[in-house]
Amino acid sequence: MAKGKGSSAPLQLHAILGDFQLLLILFISLRVLLLLVFQPFLLQGVERGITAGGDFQTYFQIASLSDSAGMPLRDWWSEFPPLWSYFSVIVYKLQPNFTGFSMLLGIVFLVFDIGNLVLIRKIASQVYSAETGQALAWVYALLLAPLVFVFWTFEVVVAFFMLLSVWWLLRERDLLAGIGIAIGTLVKFTPLVLLGSMWRYRKTRQAILPTVVSVGIVAAVYAVFFLQNAAMTMPSLTAQFSKASYQTVWALIDGNYRTGNFGPLEDRLDPQRATIVQGNPAVIPGWLRLAAGVVIGVFVFVRTRRFDAKGLLAFAGISLLIFFLQAQGWSPQWLVQIIPFILLCFPTRDGVILVVLLSLVTFVEYPFLFIRTGDTGGEITGSLVTPFATLVVARTVILAGICVGLYRILRQSRDRQGLVT
């Protein structure tokens, strides 16, 4: 029998690393087995298992309002957009116990994260080479942050629609990109920043239709809920922006040393409770931060000189980071949106180390520090204040440094074929 032929051939390193189907098997099996071994459950109201430390219990509690109070954005307000609000209720109706609810969510989120893995490989293969695409797929599969957040939050769903929209933009399927941005926005608002890439990398007449479609879909969905009950629908648009600052340099200035939370579950029955700030008011007004972000964004928009595929990736990435840096709060799960753009824009050893460093700073902050705040009601106090402030500043510097790196990419003069102009 010829060597290296047939299913019984010995495994070789280059064959393993180049086999995407094998990578998928390992990627899926690791996550499914972790979910089976560390099944989520509640013990005297305390979350245990693989979802401990995440938001699944919060999702479960909010969705449980559907048993007594009706449906979200109609009978009670939700801080989340309609698509996620209703999807979580559907999952709750299918599995009205925490373990079943969490395991079903974990499986659904895993499907979306498989999509993220596939899209990272496809995008990198188109922008660079098939070898780079496969390498970045392996890197993503081995990173801790995406794995953890599959069982903590729905951020992988947001990341999927952002990457899918970027893929369609790269393929010049602009209408599909607009639809992808709209669906992502109905899960969480951040995909809207991709409209800036639409206008920067397309002529005005090409950008109008997909923008109208994207904004129109979101507006039409919200219009339905506003017609039913505007008072309960409005917090879906405003509640996240009404929070006190948290886990950012703005929070340090304001003296807010806790995570960003809302009040008790029953508050969602009263729309007025959505406007109550759970912490110190902002020293620097939100409108001023947003205005500064817009000015920086316009500056980048005007100064962009690179118009090839990598330029589009860099522009989308810097748009996302500018939005995050001006926001009053920071959530660790945002790593899931940021990491793909770092890998795709810096597909080097330094890019991977940057992701690891950012992940380390993020996880030391939460849950490592915050898990030690049980005696203070979740507030950073005493000896924890200095390391907390140091981590917040370090993370902000890292994100700002990534923005500088992306801006330098955008200042390189390249046309659509990647040629120097």
Protein backbone atom coordinates (compact mmCIF):
# COMPACT_ATOMS: atom_id res chain seq x y z
CA MET A 1 0.00 0.00 0.00
CA ALA A 2 1.31 3.41 -0.89
CA LYS A 3 2.41 5.48 2.09
CA GLY A 4 0.25 8.46 3.04
CA LYS A 5 -2.81 7.11 1.23
CA GLY A 6 -6.19 6.17 2.67
CA SER A 7 -7.86 6.81 5.97
CA SER A 8 -5.22 4.76 7.83
CA ALA A 9 -2.36 7.06 6.82
CA PRO A 10 -0.44 8.49 9.80
CA LEU A 11 -1.30 12.06 10.77
CA GLN A 12 1.26 14.66 9.79
CA LEU A 13 1.54 18.13 11.32
CA HIS A 14 1.09 20.07 8.10
CA ALA A 15 -1.92 17.94 7.16
CA ILE A 16 -3.54 18.49 10.55
CA LEU A 17 -3.01 22.24 10.53
CA GLY A 18 -4.29 22.52 6.97
CA ASP A 19 -7.43 20.45 7.54
CA PHE A 20 -10.28 22.89 8.24
CA GLN A 21 -12.81 20.10 8.75
CA LEU A 22 -10.64 18.67 11.52
CA LEU A 23 -10.38 22.14 13.08
CA LEU A 24 -14.18 22.41 13.05
CA ILE A 25 -14.49 19.01 14.74
CA LEU A 26 -12.08 20.06 17.48
CA PHE A 27 -13.69 23.50 17.82
CA ILE A 28 -17.20 22.10 18.20
CA SER A 29 -16.35 19.08 20.32
CA LEU A 30 -14.37 21.10 22.87
CA ARG A 31 -17.29 23.48 23.46
CA VAL A 32 -19.98 20.82 23.50
CA LEU A 33 -17.99 18.64 25.90
CA LEU A 34 -17.34 21.59 28.21
CA LEU A 35 -21.06 22.31 28.24
CA LEU A 36 -21.82 18.67 29.09
CA VAL A 37 -19.15 18.39 31.78
CA PHE A 38 -19.84 21.76 33.43
CA GLN A 39 -23.60 21.91 33.03
CA PRO A 40 -25.10 25.21 34.22
CA PHE A 41 -27.49 25.10 37.18
CA LEU A 42 -28.69 27.21 40.11
CA LEU A 43 -27.81 26.24 43.68
CA GLN A 44 -29.87 28.25 46.18
CA GLY A 45 -30.16 31.00 43.60
CA VAL A 46 -26.42 31.09 42.85
CA GLU A 47 -25.31 30.30 39.30
CA ARG A 48 -22.96 27.34 38.92
CA GLY A 49 -21.35 25.55 36.01
CA ILE A 50 -19.88 26.91 32.81
CA THR A 51 -22.16 29.97 32.68
CA ALA A 52 -21.17 31.22 36.17
CA GLY A 53 -19.88 34.78 35.95
CA GLY A 54 -21.82 35.59 32.80
CA ASP A 55 -25.23 37.02 31.99
CA PHE A 56 -27.29 33.88 31.39
CA GLN A 57 -29.01 34.10 34.76
CA THR A 58 -29.93 37.72 34.02
CA TYR A 59 -31.31 36.71 30.62
CA PHE A 60 -33.30 33.93 32.27
CA GLN A 61 -34.76 36.25 34.90
CA ILE A 62 -35.72 38.93 32.38
CA ALA A 63 -37.30 36.38 30.04
CA SER A 64 -39.29 34.94 32.97
CA LEU A 65 -41.27 38.20 33.09
CA SER A 66 -43.17 36.79 30.12
CA ASP A 67 -44.90 34.38 32.52
CA SER A 68 -46.63 37.10 34.52
CA ALA A 69 -46.22 40.43 32.75
CA GLY A 70 -46.59 39.66 29.05
CA MET A 71 -44.18 40.34 26.20
CA PRO A 72 -41.12 42.62 25.99
CA LEU A 73 -41.38 46.13 24.53
CA ARG A 74 -45.15 45.83 24.81
CA ASP A 75 -45.94 44.97 28.41
CA TRP A 76 -42.53 45.61 30.01
CA TRP A 77 -39.37 47.39 28.91
CA SER A 78 -36.16 45.68 27.96
CA GLU A 79 -32.74 47.30 27.69
CA PHE A 80 -32.07 45.15 24.63
CA PRO A 81 -33.28 45.59 21.03
CA PRO A 82 -36.35 43.61 19.87
CA LEU A 83 -34.68 40.64 18.17
CA TRP A 84 -32.72 39.55 21.23
CA SER A 85 -35.54 40.42 23.63
CA TYR A 86 -37.99 38.16 21.82
CA PHE A 87 -35.51 35.41 21.05
CA SER A 88 -34.62 35.04 24.73
CA VAL A 89 -38.33 34.78 25.59
CA ILE A 90 -38.80 32.08 22.93
CA VAL A 91 -35.89 30.08 24.37
CA TYR A 92 -37.38 30.52 27.84
CA LYS A 93 -40.77 29.22 26.67
CA LEU A 94 -39.06 26.17 25.19
CA GLN A 95 -36.93 25.59 28.29
CA PRO A 96 -38.47 27.30 31.36
CA ASN A 97 -35.80 25.91 33.70
CA PHE A 98 -32.37 27.51 34.05
CA THR A 99 -30.31 24.48 33.06
CA GLY A 100 -32.30 23.79 29.90
CA PHE A 101 -32.49 27.50 29.04
CA SER A 102 -28.72 27.95 29.41
CA MET A 103 -27.76 24.80 27.53
CA LEU A 104 -30.04 25.68 24.62
CA LEU A 105 -28.62 29.21 24.50
CA GLY A 106 -25.10 27.80 24.62
CA ILE A 107 -25.78 25.53 21.65
CA VAL A 108 -27.35 28.39 19.64
CA PHE A 109 -24.43 30.69 20.44
CA LEU A 110 -21.99 27.94 19.47
CA VAL A 111 -23.61 27.78 16.02
CA PHE A 112 -23.03 31.50 15.58
CA ASP A 113 -19.44 31.20 16.79
CA ILE A 114 -18.85 28.47 14.22
CA GLY A 115 -20.00 31.08 11.72
CA ASN A 116 -17.46 33.53 13.16
CA LEU A 117 -14.68 30.98 12.72
CA VAL A 118 -15.71 30.31 9.12
CA LEU A 119 -16.01 34.02 8.30
CA ILE A 120 -12.61 34.89 9.78
CA ARG A 121 -11.06 32.20 7.61
CA LYS A 122 -12.94 33.30 4.48
CA ILE A 123 -12.19 36.99 4.97
CA ALA A 124 -8.50 36.41 5.69
CA SER A 125 -8.25 34.04 2.71
CA GLN A 126 -9.64 36.71 0.40
CA VAL A 127 -7.62 39.61 1.80
CA TYR A 128 -4.31 37.75 2.25
CA SER A 129 -4.03 34.04 1.33
CA ALA A 130 -5.59 30.67 2.08
CA GLU A 131 -2.67 29.86 4.40
CA THR A 132 -3.23 33.04 6.41
CA GLY A 133 -6.95 32.33 6.59
CA GLN A 134 -6.31 28.84 7.98
CA ALA A 135 -3.73 30.17 10.45
CA LEU A 136 -6.09 32.84 11.80
CA ALA A 137 -8.84 30.23 12.11
CA TRP A 138 -6.56 28.15 14.34
CA VAL A 139 -5.64 31.20 16.39
CA TYR A 140 -9.30 32.12 16.90
CA ALA A 141 -10.17 28.54 17.83
CA LEU A 142 -7.47 28.52 20.52
CA LEU A 143 -8.32 31.86 22.11
CA LEU A 144 -10.01 31.83 25.50
CA ALA A 145 -12.23 34.90 25.16
CA PRO A 146 -14.51 33.66 22.34
CA LEU A 147 -14.88 30.30 24.10
CA VAL A 148 -15.82 31.85 27.45
CA PHE A 149 -18.27 34.34 26.04
CA VAL A 150 -20.19 31.67 24.12
CA PHE A 151 -21.42 30.62 27.57
CA TRP A 152 -21.61 34.11 29.09
CA THR A 153 -23.36 36.48 26.66
CA PHE A 154 -24.94 36.78 23.22
CA GLU A 155 -21.98 38.83 21.91
CA VAL A 156 -20.97 36.10 19.45
CA VAL A 157 -24.27 36.72 17.64
CA VAL A 158 -23.43 40.43 17.27
CA ALA A 159 -19.92 39.57 16.07
CA PHE A 160 -21.36 37.15 13.52
CA PHE A 161 -23.58 39.74 11.86
CA MET A 162 -20.74 42.28 11.85
CA LEU A 163 -18.36 39.82 10.18
CA LEU A 164 -21.07 38.65 7.78
CA SER A 165 -21.81 42.25 6.78
CA VAL A 166 -18.10 42.94 6.28
CA TRP A 167 -17.79 39.78 4.16
CA TRP A 168 -20.67 40.92 1.97
CA LEU A 169 -19.08 44.37 1.64
CA LEU A 170 -15.83 42.76 0.54
CA ARG A 171 -17.79 40.72 -2.00
CA GLU A 172 -19.60 43.91 -3.11
CA ARG A 173 -22.97 42.49 -2.08
CA ASP A 174 -23.96 45.81 -0.59
CA LEU A 175 -27.68 45.18 -0.26
CA LEU A 176 -27.04 41.98 1.69
CA ALA A 177 -24.55 43.90 3.83
CA GLY A 178 -27.24 46.45 4.62
CA ILE A 179 -29.64 43.67 5.65
CA GLY A 180 -26.93 42.06 7.79
CA ILE A 181 -26.25 45.37 9.53
CA ALA A 182 -29.98 45.78 10.21
CA ILE A 183 -30.37 42.31 11.71
CA GLY A 184 -27.28 42.81 13.85
CA THR A 185 -28.59 46.18 15.04
CA LEU A 186 -31.83 44.55 16.16
CA VAL A 187 -29.67 42.33 18.39
CA LYS A 188 -27.35 45.12 19.59
CA PHE A 189 -26.71 48.63 18.28
CA THR A 190 -22.98 48.43 17.47
CA PRO A 191 -23.30 46.99 13.92
CA LEU A 192 -24.67 50.39 12.87
CA VAL A 193 -21.09 51.72 12.85
CA LEU A 194 -20.48 49.65 9.70
CA LEU A 195 -22.60 52.12 7.74
CA GLY A 196 -19.59 54.42 7.90
CA SER A 197 -17.59 51.83 5.95
CA MET A 198 -20.41 51.66 3.43
CA TRP A 199 -20.15 55.39 2.76
CA ARG A 200 -16.35 55.51 2.81
CA TYR A 201 -15.81 52.57 0.45
CA ARG A 202 -18.69 53.13 -1.94
CA LYS A 203 -19.75 56.02 -4.10
CA THR A 204 -22.66 58.02 -2.74
CA ARG A 205 -25.19 56.58 -5.17
CA GLN A 206 -24.04 53.04 -4.30
CA ALA A 207 -24.30 53.62 -0.54
CA ILE A 208 -27.79 55.15 -0.50
CA LEU A 209 -29.91 52.05 -1.19
CA PRO A 210 -28.25 49.63 1.30
CA THR A 211 -28.27 52.39 3.93
CA VAL A 212 -31.96 53.09 3.38
CA VAL A 213 -32.70 49.35 3.53
CA SER A 214 -30.67 48.93 6.74
CA VAL A 215 -32.13 51.93 8.55
CA GLY A 216 -35.58 51.21 7.12
CA ILE A 217 -35.69 47.64 8.48
CA VAL A 218 -34.68 48.79 11.97
CA ALA A 219 -37.13 51.71 11.89
CA ALA A 220 -39.98 49.51 10.66
CA VAL A 221 -39.46 46.95 13.44
CA TYR A 222 -39.34 49.62 16.11
CA ALA A 223 -42.37 51.37 14.61
CA VAL A 224 -44.46 48.25 15.23
CA PHE A 225 -43.55 48.28 18.92
CA PHE A 226 -43.96 52.03 19.28
CA LEU A 227 -47.48 51.73 17.91
CA GLN A 228 -48.25 49.06 20.52
CA ASN A 229 -46.70 50.80 23.52
CA ALA A 230 -44.26 53.65 23.02
CA ALA A 231 -43.57 54.01 26.75
CA MET A 232 -42.28 50.45 27.05
CA THR A 233 -40.44 50.53 23.71
CA MET A 234 -38.46 53.72 24.28
CA PRO A 235 -36.14 52.23 26.96
CA SER A 236 -34.96 49.68 24.39
CA LEU A 237 -33.41 52.65 22.59
CA THR A 238 -32.32 54.73 25.58
CA ALA A 239 -31.76 52.54 28.65
CA GLN A 240 -28.18 51.51 27.85
CA PHE A 241 -27.22 55.14 27.29
CA SER A 242 -28.92 56.21 30.51
CA LYS A 243 -26.63 54.06 32.64
CA ALA A 244 -24.10 55.66 34.94
CA SER A 245 -20.53 55.28 33.69
CA TYR A 246 -18.79 52.00 34.47
CA GLN A 247 -15.37 50.39 33.93
CA THR A 248 -13.98 53.24 31.81
CA VAL A 249 -11.79 56.30 32.31
CA TRP A 250 -15.07 58.24 32.35
CA ALA A 251 -16.18 56.08 35.28
CA LEU A 252 -12.92 56.83 37.10
CA ILE A 253 -13.56 60.54 36.62
CA ASP A 254 -17.14 60.15 37.85
CA GLY A 255 -16.15 58.00 40.83
CA ASN A 256 -18.17 54.96 39.69
CA TYR A 257 -16.30 51.77 40.61
CA ARG A 258 -18.82 49.06 39.73
CA THR A 259 -20.14 47.22 36.69
CA GLY A 260 -23.03 48.62 34.68
CA ASN A 261 -26.27 47.19 36.03
CA PHE A 262 -29.93 48.08 36.09
CA GLY A 263 -32.21 47.95 39.10
CA PRO A 264 -34.37 45.03 40.28
CA LEU A 265 -36.33 42.90 37.84
CA GLU A 266 -39.64 44.56 38.72
CA ASP A 267 -38.26 47.92 37.58
CA ARG A 268 -38.93 46.79 34.01
CA LEU A 269 -42.65 47.11 34.67
CA ASP A 270 -42.23 50.89 35.10
CA PRO A 271 -40.66 52.77 32.16
CA GLN A 272 -39.70 55.65 34.45
CA ARG A 273 -37.25 53.35 36.22
CA ALA A 274 -35.21 53.02 33.02
CA THR A 275 -34.01 56.62 33.38
CA ILE A 276 -32.76 56.31 36.96
CA VAL A 277 -28.96 56.50 37.06
CA GLN A 278 -27.46 53.72 39.21
CA GLY A 279 -24.38 55.70 40.28
CA ASN A 280 -22.79 59.13 40.17
CA PRO A 281 -23.82 61.43 37.30
CA ALA A 282 -21.40 62.13 34.47
CA VAL A 283 -18.81 64.87 34.95
CA ILE A 284 -18.23 64.95 31.19
CA PRO A 285 -21.68 64.96 29.50
CA GLY A 286 -22.53 62.10 27.19
CA TRP A 287 -23.25 64.46 24.30
CA LEU A 288 -19.72 65.88 24.58
CA ARG A 289 -18.12 62.42 24.49
CA LEU A 290 -20.26 61.48 21.50
CA ALA A 291 -19.42 64.75 19.73
CA ALA A 292 -15.71 64.10 20.28
CA GLY A 293 -16.11 60.59 18.87
CA VAL A 294 -17.93 61.94 15.82
CA VAL A 295 -15.21 64.55 15.21
CA ILE A 296 -12.49 61.89 15.40
CA GLY A 297 -14.54 59.63 13.13
CA VAL A 298 -14.99 62.36 10.54
CA PHE A 299 -11.25 63.10 10.71
CA VAL A 300 -10.45 59.44 9.98
CA PHE A 301 -13.11 59.37 7.24
CA VAL A 302 -11.57 62.35 5.46
CA ARG A 303 -7.97 61.27 5.91
CA THR A 304 -8.42 57.69 4.71
CA ARG A 305 -6.24 56.93 1.69
CA ARG A 306 -6.38 53.15 1.56
CA PHE A 307 -9.28 51.76 -0.45
CA ASP A 308 -8.51 48.08 -0.80
CA ALA A 309 -10.00 45.20 1.20
CA LYS A 310 -7.60 45.62 4.12
CA GLY A 311 -8.49 49.31 4.24
CA LEU A 312 -12.16 48.41 4.57
CA LEU A 313 -11.37 46.05 7.45
CA ALA A 314 -9.26 48.71 9.16
CA PHE A 315 -11.96 51.35 8.74
CA ALA A 316 -14.63 49.05 10.20
CA GLY A 317 -12.33 48.18 13.10
CA ILE A 318 -11.41 51.76 13.96
CA SER A 319 -15.06 52.83 13.73
CA LEU A 320 -15.99 50.16 16.27
CA LEU A 321 -13.17 51.12 18.64
CA ILE A 322 -13.94 54.84 18.48
CA PHE A 323 -17.53 54.02 19.45
CA PHE A 324 -16.36 51.86 22.36
CA LEU A 325 -13.83 54.44 23.59
CA GLN A 326 -16.37 57.26 23.73
CA ALA A 327 -19.01 55.10 25.43
CA GLN A 328 -19.65 55.72 29.13
CA GLY A 329 -19.16 52.03 29.92
CA TRP A 330 -17.11 48.99 29.02
CA SER A 331 -18.24 45.37 28.96
CA PRO A 332 -15.69 42.51 28.83
CA GLN A 333 -17.75 40.70 26.20
CA TRP A 334 -16.95 43.44 23.70
CA LEU A 335 -13.71 41.55 23.17
CA VAL A 336 -15.70 39.20 20.96
CA GLN A 337 -16.38 42.02 18.50
CA ILE A 338 -12.89 43.50 18.72
CA ILE A 339 -10.74 40.36 18.43
CA PRO A 340 -11.67 39.42 14.82
CA PHE A 341 -10.74 42.90 13.56
CA ILE A 342 -7.39 42.82 15.38
CA LEU A 343 -6.56 39.43 13.88
CA LEU A 344 -7.73 40.39 10.40
CA CYS A 345 -5.94 43.75 10.35
CA PHE A 346 -2.76 42.55 12.11
CA PRO A 347 -2.36 38.90 10.98
CA THR A 348 1.05 38.58 12.61
CA ARG A 349 2.64 37.29 15.79
CA ASP A 350 2.37 40.80 17.24
CA GLY A 351 -1.35 40.88 16.48
CA VAL A 352 -1.91 37.60 18.33
CA ILE A 353 0.12 38.79 21.33
CA LEU A 354 -1.92 42.00 21.34
CA VAL A 355 -5.14 39.96 21.57
CA VAL A 356 -3.69 37.88 24.42
CA LEU A 357 -2.58 41.02 26.29
CA LEU A 358 -5.98 42.68 25.86
CA SER A 359 -7.70 39.50 27.04
CA LEU A 360 -5.44 39.29 30.09
CA VAL A 361 -6.15 42.89 31.13
CA THR A 362 -9.87 42.37 30.59
CA PHE A 363 -10.20 39.13 32.57
CA VAL A 364 -8.05 40.36 35.43
CA GLU A 365 -10.49 43.26 35.74
CA TYR A 366 -13.53 41.01 35.43
CA PRO A 367 -14.04 38.53 36.95
CA PHE A 368 -10.74 38.42 38.92
CA LEU A 369 -11.13 41.77 40.72
CA PHE A 370 -14.90 42.04 40.74
CA ILE A 371 -15.35 38.57 42.24
CA ARG A 372 -13.72 40.03 45.37
CA THR A 373 -16.42 42.68 45.84
CA GLY A 374 -19.09 40.46 47.39
CA ASP A 375 -18.81 42.20 50.75
CA THR A 376 -19.24 45.66 49.18
CA GLY A 377 -22.23 44.94 46.97
CA GLY A 378 -20.16 44.68 43.79
CA GLU A 379 -18.29 47.98 44.27
CA ILE A 380 -14.51 48.31 44.01
CA THR A 381 -13.19 49.75 47.28
CA GLY A 382 -10.08 49.94 49.45
CA SER A 383 -6.98 48.19 48.15
CA LEU A 384 -8.75 47.13 44.94
CA VAL A 385 -9.16 50.71 43.68
CA THR A 386 -5.56 51.17 42.51
CA PRO A 387 -5.28 47.93 40.49
CA PHE A 388 -8.77 48.54 39.09
CA ALA A 389 -7.89 52.05 37.93
CA THR A 390 -4.58 50.80 36.51
CA LEU A 391 -6.32 48.08 34.50
CA VAL A 392 -8.94 50.50 33.14
CA VAL A 393 -6.24 52.95 32.03
CA ALA A 394 -4.10 50.13 30.57
CA ARG A 395 -7.00 48.74 28.59
CA THR A 396 -7.89 52.21 27.31
CA VAL A 397 -4.29 52.80 26.23
CA ILE A 398 -4.23 49.44 24.41
CA LEU A 399 -7.45 50.20 22.55
CA ALA A 400 -6.23 53.69 21.67
CA GLY A 401 -2.96 52.18 20.46
CA ILE A 402 -4.88 49.77 18.22
CA CYS A 403 -6.73 52.77 16.79
CA VAL A 404 -3.39 54.40 15.97
CA GLY A 405 -2.25 51.24 14.23
CA LEU A 406 -5.47 51.05 12.22
CA TYR A 407 -5.19 54.71 11.31
CA ARG A 408 -1.65 54.13 10.01
CA ILE A 409 -3.03 51.36 7.79
CA LEU A 410 -5.70 53.73 6.48
CA ARG A 411 -3.07 56.37 5.67
CA GLN A 412 -1.28 53.96 3.32
CA SER A 413 -2.24 54.75 -0.26
CA ARG A 414 -3.79 51.69 -1.92
CA ASP A 415 -6.46 51.34 -4.58
CA ARG A 416 -9.14 48.62 -4.75
CA GLN A 417 -6.64 46.12 -6.13
CA GLY A 418 -4.12 46.90 -3.37
CA LEU A 419 -1.80 48.77 -5.74
CA VAL A 420 0.15 51.84 -4.67
CA THR A 421 -1.42 55.01 -6.13
